[in-house]
Amino acid sequence: MTPRIARVVAQENQQLRVEFENGEARIFDATPLLDKGYFAELRAPVCFKSVRVIFGGIEWPHE
């Protein structure tokens, strides 16, 4: 079973520090996604940093 996300923090260079309910923490590099469709708006640092946890996953504005 995949653990739920407890906390997410936007880092430099379009990376996320993702902390899970089981205590694990991982770095996710979102760079490869930023050239694809609606992810392109996340290239703006202000938008990228607006990430939040919702229902055990992550979300940015505009879902």
N, C-alpha and C. Protein backbone atom coordinates (compact mmCIF):
# COMPACT_ATOMS: atom_id res chain seq x y z
N MET A 1 0.85 -1.18 0.00
CA MET A 1 0.00 0.00 0.00
C MET A 1 0.89 1.25 0.00
N THR A 2 0.57 2.20 -0.82
CA THR A 2 1.33 3.44 -0.90
C THR A 2 0.99 4.33 0.28
N PRO A 3 2.01 4.82 1.01
CA PRO A 3 1.71 5.71 2.14
C PRO A 3 1.16 7.05 1.66
N ARG A 4 0.35 7.64 2.49
CA ARG A 4 -0.23 8.95 2.16
C ARG A 4 0.79 10.05 2.46
N ILE A 5 0.68 11.13 1.71
CA ILE A 5 1.56 12.27 1.90
C ILE A 5 1.06 13.08 3.09
N ALA A 6 2.00 13.40 3.99
CA ALA A 6 1.66 14.18 5.17
C ALA A 6 2.06 15.65 5.01
N ARG A 7 3.15 15.90 4.26
CA ARG A 7 3.66 17.26 4.12
C ARG A 7 4.44 17.36 2.82
N VAL A 8 4.35 18.51 2.18
CA VAL A 8 5.13 18.76 0.96
C VAL A 8 5.68 20.18 1.04
N VAL A 9 6.96 20.31 0.65
CA VAL A 9 7.62 21.61 0.65
C VAL A 9 8.31 21.80 -0.69
N ALA A 10 8.01 22.89 -1.36
CA ALA A 10 8.67 23.22 -2.63
C ALA A 10 10.11 23.63 -2.34
N GLN A 11 11.03 23.05 -3.09
CA GLN A 11 12.45 23.34 -2.98
C GLN A 11 12.90 24.14 -4.20
N GLU A 12 14.17 24.46 -4.24
CA GLU A 12 14.74 25.13 -5.41
C GLU A 12 14.76 24.17 -6.60
N ASN A 13 14.88 24.70 -7.79
CA ASN A 13 15.03 23.92 -9.02
C ASN A 13 13.86 22.97 -9.28
N GLN A 14 12.66 23.41 -8.97
CA GLN A 14 11.43 22.64 -9.22
C GLN A 14 11.47 21.24 -8.62
N GLN A 15 11.94 21.17 -7.39
CA GLN A 15 11.93 19.92 -6.65
C GLN A 15 10.99 20.04 -5.46
N LEU A 16 10.43 18.90 -5.06
CA LEU A 16 9.55 18.85 -3.90
C LEU A 16 10.13 17.92 -2.86
N ARG A 17 10.09 18.33 -1.61
CA ARG A 17 10.40 17.42 -0.51
C ARG A 17 9.05 16.89 -0.04
N VAL A 18 8.87 15.59 -0.18
CA VAL A 18 7.60 14.95 0.14
C VAL A 18 7.80 14.08 1.38
N GLU A 19 7.02 14.36 2.42
CA GLU A 19 7.08 13.57 3.65
C GLU A 19 5.80 12.76 3.76
N PHE A 20 5.95 11.49 4.07
CA PHE A 20 4.83 10.56 4.13
C PHE A 20 4.42 10.28 5.56
N GLU A 21 3.20 9.78 5.73
CA GLU A 21 2.67 9.48 7.06
C GLU A 21 3.49 8.41 7.79
N ASN A 22 4.21 7.57 7.05
CA ASN A 22 5.01 6.52 7.68
C ASN A 22 6.40 7.02 8.09
N GLY A 23 6.66 8.32 7.95
CA GLY A 23 7.93 8.91 8.37
C GLY A 23 8.97 9.02 7.28
N GLU A 24 8.76 8.41 6.13
CA GLU A 24 9.71 8.52 5.02
C GLU A 24 9.65 9.92 4.42
N ALA A 25 10.76 10.32 3.83
CA ALA A 25 10.82 11.60 3.10
C ALA A 25 11.58 11.35 1.80
N ARG A 26 11.12 11.95 0.73
CA ARG A 26 11.73 11.79 -0.60
C ARG A 26 11.79 13.14 -1.29
N ILE A 27 12.73 13.27 -2.21
CA ILE A 27 12.82 14.43 -3.08
C ILE A 27 12.28 14.02 -4.44
N PHE A 28 11.33 14.80 -4.96
CA PHE A 28 10.75 14.54 -6.27
C PHE A 28 11.15 15.69 -7.19
N ASP A 29 11.80 15.37 -8.29
CA ASP A 29 12.20 16.36 -9.29
C ASP A 29 11.08 16.50 -10.32
N ALA A 30 10.41 17.63 -10.32
CA ALA A 30 9.28 17.86 -11.23
C ALA A 30 9.71 18.42 -12.58
N THR A 31 10.99 18.68 -12.77
CA THR A 31 11.48 19.30 -14.00
C THR A 31 10.99 18.61 -15.27
N PRO A 32 11.02 17.27 -15.38
CA PRO A 32 10.57 16.63 -16.63
C PRO A 32 9.10 16.90 -16.97
N LEU A 33 8.30 17.24 -16.00
CA LEU A 33 6.88 17.49 -16.25
C LEU A 33 6.59 18.90 -16.78
N LEU A 34 7.51 19.83 -16.56
CA LEU A 34 7.22 21.24 -16.80
C LEU A 34 7.10 21.64 -18.26
N ASP A 35 7.39 20.74 -19.17
CA ASP A 35 7.21 21.01 -20.60
C ASP A 35 5.95 20.35 -21.14
N LYS A 36 5.16 19.78 -20.27
CA LYS A 36 3.98 19.03 -20.68
C LYS A 36 2.69 19.74 -20.30
N GLY A 37 1.93 20.14 -21.29
CA GLY A 37 0.59 20.70 -21.11
C GLY A 37 0.42 21.66 -19.95
N TYR A 38 -0.53 21.32 -19.09
CA TYR A 38 -0.89 22.24 -18.01
C TYR A 38 0.16 22.33 -16.92
N PHE A 39 1.18 21.48 -16.92
CA PHE A 39 2.26 21.61 -15.95
C PHE A 39 3.17 22.80 -16.26
N ALA A 40 3.11 23.32 -17.47
CA ALA A 40 3.99 24.42 -17.89
C ALA A 40 3.86 25.65 -16.99
N GLU A 41 2.68 25.91 -16.45
CA GLU A 41 2.52 27.08 -15.58
C GLU A 41 3.31 26.93 -14.28
N LEU A 42 3.72 25.72 -13.94
CA LEU A 42 4.49 25.51 -12.72
C LEU A 42 5.94 25.94 -12.86
N ARG A 43 6.35 26.35 -14.06
CA ARG A 43 7.70 26.90 -14.23
C ARG A 43 7.85 28.21 -13.47
N ALA A 44 6.75 28.92 -13.24
CA ALA A 44 6.79 30.16 -12.46
C ALA A 44 6.99 29.80 -10.98
N PRO A 45 8.06 30.28 -10.36
CA PRO A 45 8.34 29.92 -8.97
C PRO A 45 7.19 30.17 -8.00
N VAL A 46 6.47 31.26 -8.18
CA VAL A 46 5.35 31.56 -7.28
C VAL A 46 4.28 30.47 -7.38
N CYS A 47 4.00 30.05 -8.57
CA CYS A 47 2.99 29.00 -8.77
C CYS A 47 3.49 27.67 -8.23
N PHE A 48 4.73 27.31 -8.52
CA PHE A 48 5.28 26.04 -8.07
C PHE A 48 5.26 25.94 -6.54
N LYS A 49 5.58 27.04 -5.87
CA LYS A 49 5.63 27.05 -4.41
C LYS A 49 4.25 27.01 -3.75
N SER A 50 3.20 27.09 -4.53
CA SER A 50 1.85 27.07 -3.97
C SER A 50 1.32 25.64 -3.79
N VAL A 51 2.18 24.65 -3.93
CA VAL A 51 1.79 23.25 -3.77
C VAL A 51 1.26 23.01 -2.35
N ARG A 52 0.31 22.09 -2.24
CA ARG A 52 -0.23 21.76 -0.92
C ARG A 52 -0.67 20.29 -0.89
N VAL A 53 -0.84 19.79 0.31
CA VAL A 53 -1.33 18.42 0.49
C VAL A 53 -2.85 18.46 0.54
N ILE A 54 -3.47 17.54 -0.17
CA ILE A 54 -4.92 17.42 -0.13
C ILE A 54 -5.29 15.93 -0.25
N PHE A 55 -6.00 15.43 0.72
CA PHE A 55 -6.45 14.03 0.74
C PHE A 55 -5.31 13.03 0.53
N GLY A 56 -4.15 13.29 1.13
CA GLY A 56 -3.03 12.37 1.04
C GLY A 56 -2.23 12.45 -0.23
N GLY A 57 -2.56 13.40 -1.11
CA GLY A 57 -1.82 13.62 -2.35
C GLY A 57 -1.40 15.09 -2.40
N ILE A 58 -0.89 15.53 -3.54
CA ILE A 58 -0.52 16.93 -3.67
C ILE A 58 -1.35 17.60 -4.75
N GLU A 59 -1.44 18.92 -4.63
CA GLU A 59 -2.23 19.69 -5.58
C GLU A 59 -1.65 21.10 -5.68
N TRP A 60 -1.75 21.67 -6.88
CA TRP A 60 -1.45 23.07 -7.12
C TRP A 60 -2.74 23.77 -7.48
N PRO A 61 -2.75 25.11 -7.49
CA PRO A 61 -3.94 25.82 -7.96
C PRO A 61 -4.33 25.34 -9.35
N HIS A 62 -5.56 25.42 -9.65
CA HIS A 62 -6.15 24.93 -10.91
C HIS A 62 -6.17 23.42 -10.96
N GLU A 63 -5.99 22.78 -9.81
CA GLU A 63 -6.04 21.33 -9.65
C GLU A 63 -5.09 20.63 -10.58
